[in-house]
């Protein structure tokens, strides 16, 4: 009886190989393709507001990928911090600096081949580093869930506190910079109007 159950479990494990993906793996692939498409549109569109909105789709797709990997805490952090904060900060920066809403010829610098080559090189290097670093890493299925709040919080607040706080200061500096730039433009326009009136 025990041998039969063990054989059935072994056959089930062999059945879910590379050629017979599960529903979660198919969903992961489809969401990954949508996320990749949104990321490509983000960097190729000539409308800044559309780029910000496509960035929401790309970051939201990453959150769904984290959910499919059973890392719920990281998924909600992705939604709250990146989708909720970074994109809102980006839109505020666009509004405060009075960036053009429609198509802008200034968004295309003509360096697309160089940018594509740099992006492909960076992507290849990142894939190589990740594969090389985690080639022999095995997940302990009997231990704590890797994406759980306990494990993530322990790693985040033990090893990554300084980069996390540096990122928040960077975002604050970006918002202050947008406000300063918008004030300078408004001051210049007011001075020009006063000079013309006199």
Protein backbone atom coordinates (compact mmCIF):
# COMPACT_ATOMS: atom_id res chain seq x y z
CA UNK A 1 0.00 0.00 0.00
CA UNK A 2 2.78 2.42 0.96
CA UNK A 3 4.83 1.39 -2.09
CA UNK A 4 1.83 1.98 -4.38
CA UNK A 5 1.31 5.49 -2.95
CA UNK A 6 5.01 6.24 -3.33
CA UNK A 7 4.97 5.08 -6.96
CA UNK A 8 1.87 7.17 -7.68
CA UNK A 9 3.53 10.23 -6.15
CA UNK A 10 6.69 9.58 -8.18
CA UNK A 11 4.71 9.25 -11.43
CA UNK A 12 2.78 12.44 -10.64
CA UNK A 13 6.05 14.25 -10.01
CA UNK A 14 7.48 12.97 -13.28
CA UNK A 15 4.31 13.92 -15.15
CA UNK A 16 4.69 17.62 -14.25
CA UNK A 17 7.94 18.11 -16.10
CA UNK A 18 9.06 20.69 -18.64
CA UNK A 19 6.81 19.31 -21.39
CA UNK A 20 3.66 19.17 -19.23
CA UNK A 21 3.45 22.48 -17.35
CA UNK A 22 0.91 23.10 -14.63
CA UNK A 23 -1.71 25.84 -14.69
CA UNK A 24 0.39 28.04 -12.41
CA UNK A 25 3.38 27.76 -14.75
CA UNK A 26 1.23 28.65 -17.77
CA UNK A 27 -0.23 31.65 -15.92
CA UNK A 28 3.30 32.67 -14.87
CA UNK A 29 4.45 32.58 -18.50
CA UNK A 30 1.43 34.54 -19.80
CA UNK A 31 1.71 37.22 -17.10
CA UNK A 32 5.45 37.42 -17.79
CA UNK A 33 4.80 38.05 -21.49
CA UNK A 34 2.28 40.79 -20.67
CA UNK A 35 4.74 42.36 -18.21
CA UNK A 36 7.54 42.24 -20.78
CA UNK A 37 5.29 43.84 -23.41
CA UNK A 38 4.27 46.61 -21.00
CA UNK A 39 7.92 47.25 -20.13
CA UNK A 40 8.85 47.51 -23.82
CA UNK A 41 5.99 49.95 -24.47
CA UNK A 42 7.08 51.97 -21.39
CA UNK A 43 10.52 52.65 -22.82
CA UNK A 44 9.46 53.07 -26.47
CA UNK A 45 6.42 55.35 -26.24
CA UNK A 46 6.87 59.05 -26.94
CA UNK A 47 4.18 60.17 -24.49
CA UNK A 48 5.41 60.54 -20.93
CA UNK A 49 2.02 60.02 -19.29
CA UNK A 50 1.46 56.84 -21.32
CA UNK A 51 4.91 55.65 -20.25
CA UNK A 52 3.95 56.15 -16.59
CA UNK A 53 0.68 54.26 -17.06
CA UNK A 54 2.37 51.37 -18.86
CA UNK A 55 4.87 51.31 -16.00
CA UNK A 56 1.89 50.67 -13.69
CA UNK A 57 0.97 47.65 -15.83
CA UNK A 58 4.55 46.34 -15.79
CA UNK A 59 4.93 46.72 -12.02
CA UNK A 60 1.48 45.23 -11.44
CA UNK A 61 2.48 42.25 -13.58
CA UNK A 62 5.52 41.75 -11.35
CA UNK A 63 3.23 41.77 -8.31
CA UNK A 64 1.11 39.03 -9.91
CA UNK A 65 4.27 37.02 -10.60
CA UNK A 66 5.19 37.27 -6.92
CA UNK A 67 1.69 36.05 -6.00
CA UNK A 68 2.11 33.07 -8.31
CA UNK A 69 5.41 32.32 -6.55
CA UNK A 70 3.49 32.34 -3.19
CA UNK A 71 5.40 35.42 -2.02
CA UNK A 72 2.32 37.37 -0.92
CA UNK A 73 4.14 39.84 1.30
CA UNK A 74 6.57 40.85 -1.46
CA UNK A 75 3.64 41.13 -3.90
CA UNK A 76 1.78 43.57 -1.66
CA UNK A 77 4.96 45.54 -0.98
CA UNK A 78 5.38 45.76 -4.77
CA UNK A 79 1.85 47.14 -5.10
CA UNK A 80 2.08 49.56 -2.17
CA UNK A 81 5.58 50.92 -2.73
CA UNK A 82 6.14 50.76 -6.47
CA UNK A 83 2.65 50.96 -7.99
CA UNK A 84 1.23 53.13 -5.22
CA UNK A 85 4.17 55.39 -4.43
CA UNK A 86 6.75 55.48 -7.21
CA UNK A 87 4.26 55.83 -10.06
CA UNK A 88 2.24 58.47 -8.17
CA UNK A 89 5.51 60.31 -7.48
CA UNK A 90 6.38 60.08 -11.18
CA UNK A 91 2.99 61.47 -12.20
CA UNK A 92 3.31 64.28 -9.64
CA UNK A 93 6.74 65.07 -11.07
CA UNK A 94 5.30 65.21 -14.58
CA UNK A 95 2.51 67.52 -13.45
CA UNK A 96 4.71 69.80 -11.35
CA UNK A 97 7.32 70.25 -14.07
CA UNK A 98 4.56 70.80 -16.64
CA UNK A 99 5.92 68.15 -18.99
CA UNK A 100 4.13 67.87 -22.34
CA UNK A 101 1.09 65.60 -22.20
CA UNK A 102 0.97 64.62 -25.88
CA UNK A 103 3.68 63.35 -28.22
CA UNK A 104 7.00 65.00 -27.60
CA UNK A 105 9.94 64.89 -30.05
CA UNK A 106 12.29 65.53 -27.12
CA UNK A 107 11.68 62.04 -25.73
CA UNK A 108 13.58 60.41 -28.61
CA UNK A 109 17.30 61.15 -28.49
CA UNK A 110 18.18 59.05 -31.55
CA UNK A 111 20.34 56.64 -29.53
CA UNK A 112 18.00 53.67 -29.75
CA UNK A 113 20.56 51.20 -31.19
CA UNK A 114 23.04 52.03 -28.43
CA UNK A 115 20.32 51.82 -25.78
CA UNK A 116 19.15 48.47 -27.17
CA UNK A 117 22.70 47.10 -27.13
CA UNK A 118 23.24 48.28 -23.54
CA UNK A 119 19.88 46.83 -22.45
CA UNK A 120 20.61 43.45 -24.09
CA UNK A 121 24.07 43.33 -22.50
CA UNK A 122 22.67 44.23 -19.07
CA UNK A 123 19.91 41.62 -19.40
CA UNK A 124 22.39 38.90 -20.42
CA UNK A 125 24.71 39.82 -17.53
CA UNK A 126 21.80 39.80 -15.06
CA UNK A 127 20.57 36.39 -16.24
CA UNK A 128 24.09 34.98 -16.07
CA UNK A 129 24.66 36.34 -12.54
CA UNK A 130 21.32 35.02 -11.24
CA UNK A 131 21.77 31.58 -12.81
CA UNK A 132 25.36 31.34 -11.58
CA UNK A 133 24.44 32.47 -8.05
CA UNK A 134 21.45 30.17 -7.60
CA UNK A 135 22.53 27.17 -9.66
CA UNK A 136 23.09 24.97 -6.61
CA UNK A 137 20.55 26.60 -4.29
CA UNK A 138 17.79 24.34 -3.02
CA UNK A 139 14.66 25.54 -1.25
CA UNK A 140 13.81 23.80 2.02
CA UNK A 141 10.16 22.90 1.54
CA UNK A 142 9.82 21.84 5.17
CA UNK A 143 11.11 25.18 6.49
CA UNK A 144 9.46 28.59 6.58
CA UNK A 145 7.95 29.85 3.34
CA UNK A 146 10.57 31.93 1.53
CA UNK A 147 8.20 34.77 0.68
CA UNK A 148 6.52 34.87 4.06
CA UNK A 149 6.37 37.98 6.20
CA UNK A 150 8.67 36.49 8.85
CA UNK A 151 11.51 35.55 6.49
CA UNK A 152 11.25 38.69 4.33
CA UNK A 153 11.03 41.04 7.31
CA UNK A 154 14.00 39.38 8.98
CA UNK A 155 16.18 39.70 5.87
CA UNK A 156 14.95 43.21 5.04
CA UNK A 157 15.48 44.75 8.45
CA UNK A 158 18.68 42.88 9.21
CA UNK A 159 20.63 43.31 5.95
CA UNK A 160 18.80 45.85 3.75
CA UNK A 161 17.79 48.68 6.11
CA UNK A 162 20.29 51.22 4.76
CA UNK A 163 19.44 50.73 1.03
CA UNK A 164 15.72 50.80 1.88
CA UNK A 165 16.06 54.13 3.70
CA UNK A 166 18.35 55.49 0.97
CA UNK A 167 15.63 54.73 -1.59
CA UNK A 168 13.04 56.64 0.43
CA UNK A 169 15.40 59.64 0.69
CA UNK A 170 16.00 59.44 -3.07
CA UNK A 171 12.26 59.52 -3.77
CA UNK A 172 11.84 62.47 -1.43
CA UNK A 173 14.70 64.30 -3.18
CA UNK A 174 13.05 63.65 -6.56
CA UNK A 175 9.76 65.15 -5.35
CA UNK A 176 11.50 68.20 -3.84
CA UNK A 177 13.48 68.64 -7.07
CA UNK A 178 10.27 68.59 -9.12
CA UNK A 179 8.75 71.25 -6.87
CA UNK A 180 11.89 73.44 -7.13
CA UNK A 181 11.93 73.15 -10.93
CA UNK A 182 8.25 74.07 -11.18
CA UNK A 183 8.75 77.10 -8.90
CA UNK A 184 11.71 78.34 -10.98
CA UNK A 185 9.65 78.19 -14.17
CA UNK A 186 6.76 80.04 -12.54
CA UNK A 187 9.13 82.70 -11.14
CA UNK A 188 10.70 83.24 -14.58
CA UNK A 189 7.29 83.69 -16.19
CA UNK A 190 6.21 86.17 -13.48
CA UNK A 191 9.42 88.21 -13.92
CA UNK A 192 8.88 88.32 -17.71
CA UNK A 193 5.30 89.46 -17.29
CA UNK A 194 6.34 92.18 -14.83
CA UNK A 195 9.04 93.42 -17.20
CA UNK A 196 6.61 93.50 -20.12
CA UNK A 197 4.05 95.39 -18.06
CA UNK A 198 6.58 98.04 -17.11
